[in-house]
């Protein structure tokens, strides 16, 4: 019975809520893990599950898994039981009142504005690949894209007249992102020149191409951005998602509305976006500690 309920729940996530297949697969892994626990308990029905039984499962997780994994599995179970509750298949939420280990609040790393300028200036736009790479970095940072969204960007997703791009993000949700005029201009020029050279007479709907005229891979771009970071003299590790973090943090530092940044990033939950306000505050405290005279006197 549990396996059937899980299957119906996963169909609900995929077909009705429109979650990505990879996300639904992650739910299945976590729910299957709980299913193994139920087998050891004699396969009790969800309706008859006691809070003590679920609490025992959580205790077993705490003995074997990291806090992040425990919280993810708890979240999957919580969503599953809420689904059953809404359908009237259970009368109470077995997870109610259970406590989970707190996660450390690891703030996302970001590049400073100066470092970002150095990175954007690293490619040589006089070469075909350099022109492509410069535009890729500009679009990645200027639109706050995920690397998967960047490398799969297609021609029909750009409206040059309005200066916007249409992006299909997680859960197949579309978001519209404006691009600054200089980026739009460089993008148009790359498509007309550099991209045409990379195509070598072939046809493709993708904007960013490799030497063979095919769409660029995530791995290929990862290596590219690291190479330019070294060239720019940036000491910290630079990876594609770091530019998305930097995009959000720099917008909020400049006074952008939190809801606007949430929309641009495609976050379903405002709390996810709010982490970037903490990044900005943390950087502010560090600058204050480093440069404010009274703070320096404490170290003397």
C-alpha atoms as a PDB file:
ATOM      1  CA  UNK A   1       0.000   0.000   0.000  1.00  0.00           C
ATOM      2  CA  UNK A   2       2.843   2.408   0.864  1.00  0.00           C
ATOM      3  CA  UNK A   3       4.515   1.839  -2.510  1.00  0.00           C
ATOM      4  CA  UNK A   4       1.233   2.607  -4.308  1.00  0.00           C
ATOM      5  CA  UNK A   5       0.742   5.794  -2.296  1.00  0.00           C
ATOM      6  CA  UNK A   6       4.277   6.890  -3.110  1.00  0.00           C
ATOM      7  CA  UNK A   7       3.720   6.253  -6.815  1.00  0.00           C
ATOM      8  CA  UNK A   8       0.533   8.362  -6.796  1.00  0.00           C
ATOM      9  CA  UNK A   9       2.348  11.126  -4.901  1.00  0.00           C
ATOM     10  CA  UNK A  10       5.248  11.162  -7.375  1.00  0.00           C
ATOM     11  CA  UNK A  11       2.800  11.370 -10.288  1.00  0.00           C
ATOM     12  CA  UNK A  12       1.186  14.319  -8.524  1.00  0.00           C
ATOM     13  CA  UNK A  13       4.563  16.086  -8.227  1.00  0.00           C
ATOM     14  CA  UNK A  14       5.445  15.455 -11.858  1.00  0.00           C
ATOM     15  CA  UNK A  15       2.114  15.994 -13.612  1.00  0.00           C
ATOM     16  CA  UNK A  16       0.170  18.389 -11.403  1.00  0.00           C
ATOM     17  CA  UNK A  17       2.866  20.425  -9.677  1.00  0.00           C
ATOM     18  CA  UNK A  18       5.178  20.370 -12.696  1.00  0.00           C
ATOM     19  CA  UNK A  19       8.371  19.541 -10.800  1.00  0.00           C
ATOM     20  CA  UNK A  20      11.417  18.523 -12.812  1.00  0.00           C
ATOM     21  CA  UNK A  21      11.984  14.810 -13.341  1.00  0.00           C
ATOM     22  CA  UNK A  22      15.285  14.980 -11.423  1.00  0.00           C
ATOM     23  CA  UNK A  23      13.522  16.539  -8.423  1.00  0.00           C
ATOM     24  CA  UNK A  24      10.823  13.871  -8.460  1.00  0.00           C
ATOM     25  CA  UNK A  25      13.517  11.189  -8.661  1.00  0.00           C
ATOM     26  CA  UNK A  26      15.160  12.676  -5.558  1.00  0.00           C
ATOM     27  CA  UNK A  27      11.819  12.467  -3.725  1.00  0.00           C
ATOM     28  CA  UNK A  28      11.566   8.815  -4.738  1.00  0.00           C
ATOM     29  CA  UNK A  29      15.011   7.989  -3.353  1.00  0.00           C
ATOM     30  CA  UNK A  30      14.122   9.513   0.014  1.00  0.00           C
ATOM     31  CA  UNK A  31      10.679   7.898   0.198  1.00  0.00           C
ATOM     32  CA  UNK A  32      12.075   4.514  -0.853  1.00  0.00           C
ATOM     33  CA  UNK A  33      14.537   4.787   2.011  1.00  0.00           C
ATOM     34  CA  UNK A  34      11.661   5.233   4.449  1.00  0.00           C
ATOM     35  CA  UNK A  35       9.967   2.292   2.748  1.00  0.00           C
ATOM     36  CA  UNK A  36      12.891   0.051   3.749  1.00  0.00           C
ATOM     37  CA  UNK A  37      12.381   1.159   7.345  1.00  0.00           C
ATOM     38  CA  UNK A  38       8.690   0.279   7.087  1.00  0.00           C
ATOM     39  CA  UNK A  39       9.565  -3.193   5.803  1.00  0.00           C
ATOM     40  CA  UNK A  40      11.654  -3.765   8.915  1.00  0.00           C
ATOM     41  CA  UNK A  41       8.654  -2.644  10.967  1.00  0.00           C
ATOM     42  CA  UNK A  42       6.339  -5.154   9.301  1.00  0.00           C
ATOM     43  CA  UNK A  43       4.956  -2.785   6.633  1.00  0.00           C
ATOM     44  CA  UNK A  44       2.459  -0.822   8.732  1.00  0.00           C
ATOM     45  CA  UNK A  45      -0.112   1.266   6.834  1.00  0.00           C
ATOM     46  CA  UNK A  46       0.468   5.018   6.729  1.00  0.00           C
ATOM     47  CA  UNK A  47      -2.799   5.539   8.606  1.00  0.00           C
ATOM     48  CA  UNK A  48      -1.598   3.422  11.531  1.00  0.00           C
ATOM     49  CA  UNK A  49       1.900   4.920  11.774  1.00  0.00           C
ATOM     50  CA  UNK A  50       2.616   6.300  15.233  1.00  0.00           C
ATOM     51  CA  UNK A  51       4.717   9.340  15.947  1.00  0.00           C
ATOM     52  CA  UNK A  52       7.007   7.077  17.990  1.00  0.00           C
ATOM     53  CA  UNK A  53       7.716   4.944  14.899  1.00  0.00           C
ATOM     54  CA  UNK A  54       8.545   7.948  12.730  1.00  0.00           C
ATOM     55  CA  UNK A  55      10.632   9.389  15.562  1.00  0.00           C
ATOM     56  CA  UNK A  56      12.599   6.138  15.656  1.00  0.00           C
ATOM     57  CA  UNK A  57      13.306   6.495  11.923  1.00  0.00           C
ATOM     58  CA  UNK A  58      14.573  10.032  12.433  1.00  0.00           C
ATOM     59  CA  UNK A  59      16.799   8.842  15.277  1.00  0.00           C
ATOM     60  CA  UNK A  60      18.269   6.160  13.003  1.00  0.00           C
ATOM     61  CA  UNK A  61      18.985   8.843  10.390  1.00  0.00           C
ATOM     62  CA  UNK A  62      20.758  10.980  12.983  1.00  0.00           C
ATOM     63  CA  UNK A  63      23.097   8.109  13.750  1.00  0.00           C
ATOM     64  CA  UNK A  64      24.123   7.544  10.129  1.00  0.00           C
ATOM     65  CA  UNK A  65      23.639  10.685   8.017  1.00  0.00           C
ATOM     66  CA  UNK A  66      24.660  14.312   7.797  1.00  0.00           C
ATOM     67  CA  UNK A  67      22.214  16.967   8.956  1.00  0.00           C
ATOM     68  CA  UNK A  68      21.476  18.142   5.430  1.00  0.00           C
ATOM     69  CA  UNK A  69      20.488  14.607   4.331  1.00  0.00           C
ATOM     70  CA  UNK A  70      18.288  14.174   7.409  1.00  0.00           C
ATOM     71  CA  UNK A  71      16.466  17.425   6.747  1.00  0.00           C
ATOM     72  CA  UNK A  72      15.979  16.563   3.066  1.00  0.00           C
ATOM     73  CA  UNK A  73      14.465  13.176   3.907  1.00  0.00           C
ATOM     74  CA  UNK A  74      12.290  14.727   6.577  1.00  0.00           C
ATOM     75  CA  UNK A  75      11.095  17.314   4.027  1.00  0.00           C
ATOM     76  CA  UNK A  76      10.220  14.592   1.506  1.00  0.00           C
ATOM     77  CA  UNK A  77       8.254  12.673   4.129  1.00  0.00           C
ATOM     78  CA  UNK A  78       6.543  15.837   5.311  1.00  0.00           C
ATOM     79  CA  UNK A  79       5.344  16.635   1.780  1.00  0.00           C
ATOM     80  CA  UNK A  80       4.213  13.035   1.295  1.00  0.00           C
ATOM     81  CA  UNK A  81       2.199  12.916   4.522  1.00  0.00           C
ATOM     82  CA  UNK A  82       0.636  16.324   3.830  1.00  0.00           C
ATOM     83  CA  UNK A  83      -0.459  14.952   0.464  1.00  0.00           C
ATOM     84  CA  UNK A  84      -2.060  11.911   2.136  1.00  0.00           C
ATOM     85  CA  UNK A  85      -3.694  14.159   4.730  1.00  0.00           C
ATOM     86  CA  UNK A  86      -5.230  16.349   2.024  1.00  0.00           C
ATOM     87  CA  UNK A  87      -6.572  13.247   0.261  1.00  0.00           C
ATOM     88  CA  UNK A  88      -8.106  11.975   3.488  1.00  0.00           C
ATOM     89  CA  UNK A  89      -5.955   8.826   3.558  1.00  0.00           C
ATOM     90  CA  UNK A  90      -4.551   9.690   6.978  1.00  0.00           C
ATOM     91  CA  UNK A  91      -6.138  11.688   9.808  1.00  0.00           C
ATOM     92  CA  UNK A  92      -3.031  13.201  11.394  1.00  0.00           C
ATOM     93  CA  UNK A  93       0.486  14.255  10.467  1.00  0.00           C
ATOM     94  CA  UNK A  94       2.940  11.707  11.984  1.00  0.00           C
ATOM     95  CA  UNK A  95       5.846  14.173  11.754  1.00  0.00           C
ATOM     96  CA  UNK A  96       4.117  16.841  13.818  1.00  0.00           C
ATOM     97  CA  UNK A  97       6.258  18.035  16.716  1.00  0.00           C
ATOM     98  CA  UNK A  98       9.442  16.231  15.709  1.00  0.00           C
ATOM     99  CA  UNK A  99      12.658  18.249  15.925  1.00  0.00           C
ATOM    100  CA  UNK A 100      15.434  18.189  13.354  1.00  0.00           C
ATOM    101  CA  UNK A 101      19.114  19.123  13.667  1.00  0.00           C
ATOM    102  CA  UNK A 102      19.769  22.725  12.705  1.00  0.00           C
ATOM    103  CA  UNK A 103      21.829  23.438   9.613  1.00  0.00           C
ATOM    104  CA  UNK A 104      24.814  25.718   9.723  1.00  0.00           C
ATOM    105  CA  UNK A 105      24.040  28.825   7.721  1.00  0.00           C
ATOM    106  CA  UNK A 106      26.736  28.667   5.097  1.00  0.00           C
ATOM    107  CA  UNK A 107      26.531  31.925   3.205  1.00  0.00           C
ATOM    108  CA  UNK A 108      27.152  31.644  -0.551  1.00  0.00           C
ATOM    109  CA  UNK A 109      30.471  32.936  -1.808  1.00  0.00           C
ATOM    110  CA  UNK A 110      30.460  35.940  -4.122  1.00  0.00           C
ATOM    111  CA  UNK A 111      32.904  37.949  -6.172  1.00  0.00           C
ATOM    112  CA  UNK A 112      33.404  41.615  -5.403  1.00  0.00           C
ATOM    113  CA  UNK A 113      32.379  44.159  -8.035  1.00  0.00           C
ATOM    114  CA  UNK A 114      36.065  44.759  -8.801  1.00  0.00           C
ATOM    115  CA  UNK A 115      36.742  41.030  -9.225  1.00  0.00           C
ATOM    116  CA  UNK A 116      33.696  40.744 -11.443  1.00  0.00           C
ATOM    117  CA  UNK A 117      35.001  43.513 -13.689  1.00  0.00           C
ATOM    118  CA  UNK A 118      38.382  41.780 -13.936  1.00  0.00           C
ATOM    119  CA  UNK A 119      36.740  38.487 -14.879  1.00  0.00           C
ATOM    120  CA  UNK A 120      34.559  40.088 -17.562  1.00  0.00           C
ATOM    121  CA  UNK A 121      37.625  41.801 -19.027  1.00  0.00           C
ATOM    122  CA  UNK A 122      39.700  38.587 -19.178  1.00  0.00           C
ATOM    123  CA  UNK A 123      38.517  37.170 -22.574  1.00  0.00           C
ATOM    124  CA  UNK A 124      40.021  38.624 -25.753  1.00  0.00           C
ATOM    125  CA  UNK A 125      37.044  39.738 -27.882  1.00  0.00           C
ATOM    126  CA  UNK A 126      39.294  40.024 -30.945  1.00  0.00           C
ATOM    127  CA  UNK A 127      39.311  36.222 -31.245  1.00  0.00           C
ATOM    128  CA  UNK A 128      36.265  34.127 -32.107  1.00  0.00           C
ATOM    129  CA  UNK A 129      36.318  32.082 -28.896  1.00  0.00           C
ATOM    130  CA  UNK A 130      37.218  35.131 -26.839  1.00  0.00           C
ATOM    131  CA  UNK A 131      34.220  37.004 -28.231  1.00  0.00           C
ATOM    132  CA  UNK A 132      31.970  34.042 -27.385  1.00  0.00           C
ATOM    133  CA  UNK A 133      33.384  33.713 -23.883  1.00  0.00           C
ATOM    134  CA  UNK A 134      33.073  37.408 -23.113  1.00  0.00           C
ATOM    135  CA  UNK A 135      29.400  37.388 -24.094  1.00  0.00           C
ATOM    136  CA  UNK A 136      28.771  34.181 -22.151  1.00  0.00           C
ATOM    137  CA  UNK A 137      30.225  35.675 -18.986  1.00  0.00           C
ATOM    138  CA  UNK A 138      28.243  38.876 -19.496  1.00  0.00           C
ATOM    139  CA  UNK A 139      24.955  37.013 -19.981  1.00  0.00           C
ATOM    140  CA  UNK A 140      25.613  34.601 -17.094  1.00  0.00           C
ATOM    141  CA  UNK A 141      26.302  37.447 -14.679  1.00  0.00           C
ATOM    142  CA  UNK A 142      23.991  40.043 -16.224  1.00  0.00           C
ATOM    143  CA  UNK A 143      20.947  37.747 -16.067  1.00  0.00           C
ATOM    144  CA  UNK A 144      21.850  35.632 -13.026  1.00  0.00           C
ATOM    145  CA  UNK A 145      21.451  32.423 -15.016  1.00  0.00           C
ATOM    146  CA  UNK A 146      22.227  28.888 -13.974  1.00  0.00           C
ATOM    147  CA  UNK A 147      24.941  27.358 -16.145  1.00  0.00           C
ATOM    148  CA  UNK A 148      22.462  24.819 -17.549  1.00  0.00           C
ATOM    149  CA  UNK A 149      20.219  27.693 -18.641  1.00  0.00           C
ATOM    150  CA  UNK A 150      23.149  29.494 -20.249  1.00  0.00           C
ATOM    151  CA  UNK A 151      24.568  26.655 -22.350  1.00  0.00           C
ATOM    152  CA  UNK A 152      21.099  25.656 -23.604  1.00  0.00           C
ATOM    153  CA  UNK A 153      20.043  29.202 -24.476  1.00  0.00           C
ATOM    154  CA  UNK A 154      18.461  29.302 -27.945  1.00  0.00           C
ATOM    155  CA  UNK A 155      17.973  32.068 -30.493  1.00  0.00           C
ATOM    156  CA  UNK A 156      14.195  32.246 -30.059  1.00  0.00           C
ATOM    157  CA  UNK A 157      14.639  33.027 -26.363  1.00  0.00           C
ATOM    158  CA  UNK A 158      16.022  36.484 -27.118  1.00  0.00           C
ATOM    159  CA  UNK A 159      13.938  39.534 -27.982  1.00  0.00           C
ATOM    160  CA  UNK A 160      16.434  42.119 -29.189  1.00  0.00           C
ATOM    161  CA  UNK A 161      13.787  44.817 -29.636  1.00  0.00           C
ATOM    162  CA  UNK A 162      12.703  44.624 -25.990  1.00  0.00           C
ATOM    163  CA  UNK A 163      16.157  43.725 -24.667  1.00  0.00           C
ATOM    164  CA  UNK A 164      14.969  40.638 -22.794  1.00  0.00           C
ATOM    165  CA  UNK A 165      15.599  36.915 -22.674  1.00  0.00           C
ATOM    166  CA  UNK A 166      13.088  34.223 -21.796  1.00  0.00           C
ATOM    167  CA  UNK A 167      14.480  31.450 -19.616  1.00  0.00           C
ATOM    168  CA  UNK A 168      12.950  28.099 -18.716  1.00  0.00           C
ATOM    169  CA  UNK A 169      14.190  27.282 -15.217  1.00  0.00           C
ATOM    170  CA  UNK A 170      13.525  24.630 -12.592  1.00  0.00           C
ATOM    171  CA  UNK A 171      10.103  23.029 -12.771  1.00  0.00           C
ATOM    172  CA  UNK A 172       9.818  24.210 -16.396  1.00  0.00           C
ATOM    173  CA  UNK A 173       8.864  27.675 -15.143  1.00  0.00           C
ATOM    174  CA  UNK A 174       9.481  30.589 -17.478  1.00  0.00           C
ATOM    175  CA  UNK A 175      10.961  33.878 -16.318  1.00  0.00           C
ATOM    176  CA  UNK A 176      11.638  37.038 -18.311  1.00  0.00           C
ATOM    177  CA  UNK A 177      14.940  38.812 -17.650  1.00  0.00           C
ATOM    178  CA  UNK A 178      15.980  42.220 -18.990  1.00  0.00           C
ATOM    179  CA  UNK A 179      19.559  42.623 -20.165  1.00  0.00           C
ATOM    180  CA  UNK A 180      21.541  45.890 -20.190  1.00  0.00           C
ATOM    181  CA  UNK A 181      21.884  47.483 -23.613  1.00  0.00           C
ATOM    182  CA  UNK A 182      25.684  46.868 -23.878  1.00  0.00           C
ATOM    183  CA  UNK A 183      25.158  43.127 -23.307  1.00  0.00           C
ATOM    184  CA  UNK A 184      22.346  43.011 -25.858  1.00  0.00           C
ATOM    185  CA  UNK A 185      24.602  44.816 -28.343  1.00  0.00           C
ATOM    186  CA  UNK A 186      27.527  42.417 -27.732  1.00  0.00           C
ATOM    187  CA  UNK A 187      25.204  39.435 -27.960  1.00  0.00           C
ATOM    188  CA  UNK A 188      23.802  40.604 -31.289  1.00  0.00           C
ATOM    189  CA  UNK A 189      27.312  41.167 -32.658  1.00  0.00           C
ATOM    190  CA  UNK A 190      28.525  37.740 -31.505  1.00  0.00           C
ATOM    191  CA  UNK A 191      25.547  36.021 -33.185  1.00  0.00           C
ATOM    192  CA  UNK A 192      26.246  37.880 -36.412  1.00  0.00           C
ATOM    193  CA  UNK A 193      29.994  37.238 -36.440  1.00  0.00           C
ATOM    194  CA  UNK A 194      31.612  34.843 -33.971  1.00  0.00           C
ATOM    195  CA  UNK A 195      28.729  32.378 -33.850  1.00  0.00           C
ATOM    196  CA  UNK A 196      28.557  32.267 -37.643  1.00  0.00           C
ATOM    197  CA  UNK A 197      32.249  31.353 -37.778  1.00  0.00           C
ATOM    198  CA  UNK A 198      31.763  28.581 -35.211  1.00  0.00           C
ATOM    199  CA  UNK A 199      28.827  27.146 -37.160  1.00  0.00           C
ATOM    200  CA  UNK A 200      31.046  26.546 -40.215  1.00  0.00           C
ATOM    201  CA  UNK A 201      28.030  26.291 -42.490  1.00  0.00           C
ATOM    202  CA  UNK A 202      26.013  24.065 -40.142  1.00  0.00           C
ATOM    203  CA  UNK A 203      22.717  25.012 -38.539  1.00  0.00           C
ATOM    204  CA  UNK A 204      21.861  25.151 -34.840  1.00  0.00           C
ATOM    205  CA  UNK A 205      19.299  26.834 -32.615  1.00  0.00           C
ATOM    206  CA  UNK A 206      21.757  27.145 -29.723  1.00  0.00           C
ATOM    207  CA  UNK A 207      23.494  30.470 -29.178  1.00  0.00           C
ATOM    208  CA  UNK A 208      26.762  29.389 -27.609  1.00  0.00           C
ATOM    209  CA  UNK A 209      28.723  26.844 -29.627  1.00  0.00           C
ATOM    210  CA  UNK A 210      31.992  24.971 -29.303  1.00  0.00           C
ATOM    211  CA  UNK A 211      34.735  24.720 -31.929  1.00  0.00           C
ATOM    212  CA  UNK A 212      32.761  22.014 -33.740  1.00  0.00           C
ATOM    213  CA  UNK A 213      29.628  24.119 -34.061  1.00  0.00           C
ATOM    214  CA  UNK A 214      27.710  22.145 -31.420  1.00  0.00           C
ATOM    215  CA  UNK A 215      26.165  23.427 -28.198  1.00  0.00           C
ATOM    216  CA  UNK A 216      28.692  24.045 -25.466  1.00  0.00           C
ATOM    217  CA  UNK A 217      28.655  21.645 -22.513  1.00  0.00           C
ATOM    218  CA  UNK A 218      28.432  22.598 -18.839  1.00  0.00           C
ATOM    219  CA  UNK A 219      31.802  20.957 -18.255  1.00  0.00           C
ATOM    220  CA  UNK A 220      33.364  22.882 -21.129  1.00  0.00           C
ATOM    221  CA  UNK A 221      32.182  26.201 -19.774  1.00  0.00           C
ATOM    222  CA  UNK A 222      33.289  25.274 -16.250  1.00  0.00           C
ATOM    223  CA  UNK A 223      36.865  24.853 -17.509  1.00  0.00           C
ATOM    224  CA  UNK A 224      36.607  28.092 -19.460  1.00  0.00           C
ATOM    225  CA  UNK A 225      35.539  30.223 -16.523  1.00  0.00           C
ATOM    226  CA  UNK A 226      38.267  28.806 -14.298  1.00  0.00           C
ATOM    227  CA  UNK A 227      40.867  29.642 -16.932  1.00  0.00           C
ATOM    228  CA  UNK A 228      39.711  33.257 -17.112  1.00  0.00           C
ATOM    229  CA  UNK A 229      39.635  33.538 -13.319  1.00  0.00           C
ATOM    230  CA  UNK A 230      43.309  32.561 -13.231  1.00  0.00           C
ATOM    231  CA  UNK A 231      44.062  35.065 -15.977  1.00  0.00           C
ATOM    232  CA  UNK A 232      42.222  37.782 -14.024  1.00  0.00           C
ATOM    233  CA  UNK A 233      44.266  37.035 -10.910  1.00  0.00           C
ATOM    234  CA  UNK A 234      41.276  36.039  -8.804  1.00  0.00           C
ATOM    235  CA  UNK A 235      42.521  33.900  -5.919  1.00  0.00           C
ATOM    236  CA  UNK A 236      39.315  32.224  -4.805  1.00  0.00           C
ATOM    237  CA  UNK A 237      37.855  29.304  -6.746  1.00  0.00           C
ATOM    238  CA  UNK A 238      35.536  30.578  -9.468  1.00  0.00           C
ATOM    239  CA  UNK A 239      32.695  28.440 -10.823  1.00  0.00           C
ATOM    240  CA  UNK A 240      29.622  29.324 -12.912  1.00  0.00           C
ATOM    241  CA  UNK A 241      27.121  29.470 -10.026  1.00  0.00           C
ATOM    242  CA  UNK A 242      29.365  31.968  -8.247  1.00  0.00           C
ATOM    243  CA  UNK A 243      28.329  34.549 -10.863  1.00  0.00           C
ATOM    244  CA  UNK A 244      24.653  33.926 -10.058  1.00  0.00           C
ATOM    245  CA  UNK A 245      25.396  34.493  -6.366  1.00  0.00           C
ATOM    246  CA  UNK A 246      27.296  37.661  -7.255  1.00  0.00           C
ATOM    247  CA  UNK A 247      24.475  38.905  -9.498  1.00  0.00           C
ATOM    248  CA  UNK A 248      21.955  38.662  -6.648  1.00  0.00           C
ATOM    249  CA  UNK A 249      24.241  40.139  -4.013  1.00  0.00           C
ATOM    250  CA  UNK A 250      25.297  43.075  -6.173  1.00  0.00           C
ATOM    251  CA  UNK A 251      21.688  43.881  -7.054  1.00  0.00           C
ATOM    252  CA  UNK A 252      20.642  43.930  -3.402  1.00  0.00           C
ATOM    253  CA  UNK A 253      23.731  45.970  -2.490  1.00  0.00           C
ATOM    254  CA  UNK A 254      22.630  48.509  -5.085  1.00  0.00           C
ATOM    255  CA  UNK A 255      19.187  48.812  -3.504  1.00  0.00           C
ATOM    256  CA  UNK A 256      17.155  46.427  -5.659  1.00  0.00           C
ATOM    257  CA  UNK A 257      13.860  45.221  -4.202  1.00  0.00           C
ATOM    258  CA  UNK A 258      14.058  41.714  -2.737  1.00  0.00           C
ATOM    259  CA  UNK A 259      10.918  40.590  -4.592  1.00  0.00           C
ATOM    260  CA  UNK A 260      12.362  41.751  -7.907  1.00  0.00           C
ATOM    261  CA  UNK A 261      15.554  39.775  -7.292  1.00  0.00           C
ATOM    262  CA  UNK A 262      13.438  36.746  -6.360  1.00  0.00           C
ATOM    263  CA  UNK A 263      11.624  37.005  -9.690  1.00  0.00           C
ATOM    264  CA  UNK A 264      14.840  37.433 -11.677  1.00  0.00           C
ATOM    265  CA  UNK A 265      16.407  34.386 -10.035  1.00  0.00           C
ATOM    266  CA  UNK A 266      13.253  32.289 -10.363  1.00  0.00           C
ATOM    267  CA  UNK A 267      13.123  31.393  -6.668  1.00  0.00           C
ATOM    268  CA  UNK A 268       9.817  29.898  -5.535  1.00  0.00           C
ATOM    269  CA  UNK A 269      10.477  30.865  -1.906  1.00  0.00           C
ATOM    270  CA  UNK A 270      11.482  34.386  -0.849  1.00  0.00           C
ATOM    271  CA  UNK A 271      13.541  32.891   1.998  1.00  0.00           C
ATOM    272  CA  UNK A 272      15.917  31.454  -0.610  1.00  0.00           C
ATOM    273  CA  UNK A 273      16.565  34.950  -1.956  1.00  0.00           C
ATOM    274  CA  UNK A 274      16.912  36.485   1.502  1.00  0.00           C
ATOM    275  CA  UNK A 275      20.177  34.611   2.072  1.00  0.00           C
ATOM    276  CA  UNK A 276      21.831  37.165  -0.221  1.00  0.00           C
ATOM    277  CA  UNK A 277      20.889  39.997   2.128  1.00  0.00           C
ATOM    278  CA  UNK A 278      22.867  38.153   4.791  1.00  0.00           C
ATOM    279  CA  UNK A 279      25.824  37.871   2.418  1.00  0.00           C
ATOM    280  CA  UNK A 280      25.772  41.622   1.929  1.00  0.00           C
ATOM    281  CA  UNK A 281      25.529  42.237   5.677  1.00  0.00           C
ATOM    282  CA  UNK A 282      28.414  39.844   6.345  1.00  0.00           C
ATOM    283  CA  UNK A 283      30.617  41.638   3.811  1.00  0.00           C
ATOM    284  CA  UNK A 284      29.686  44.991   5.328  1.00  0.00           C
ATOM    285  CA  UNK A 285      30.720  43.794   8.798  1.00  0.00           C
ATOM    286  CA  UNK A 286      34.022  42.518   7.436  1.00  0.00           C
ATOM    287  CA  UNK A 287      34.792  45.848   5.743  1.00  0.00           C
ATOM    288  CA  UNK A 288      33.829  47.690   8.930  1.00  0.00           C
ATOM    289  CA  UNK A 289      36.060  45.474  11.059  1.00  0.00           C
ATOM    290  CA  UNK A 290      38.973  45.837   8.663  1.00  0.00           C
ATOM    291  CA  UNK A 291      38.899  49.574   8.029  1.00  0.00           C
ATOM    292  CA  UNK A 292      37.122  51.358  10.867  1.00  0.00           C
ATOM    293  CA  UNK A 293      39.857  53.052  13.030  1.00  0.00           C
ATOM    294  CA  UNK A 294      38.433  52.058  16.422  1.00  0.00           C
ATOM    295  CA  UNK A 295      38.238  48.440  15.295  1.00  0.00           C
ATOM    296  CA  UNK A 296      41.895  48.509  14.168  1.00  0.00           C
ATOM    297  CA  UNK A 297      42.940  49.984  17.530  1.00  0.00           C
ATOM    298  CA  UNK A 298      41.660  46.849  19.295  1.00  0.00           C
ATOM    299  CA  UNK A 299      44.268  44.783  17.459  1.00  0.00           C
ATOM    300  CA  UNK A 300      47.170  47.121  18.376  1.00  0.00           C
END
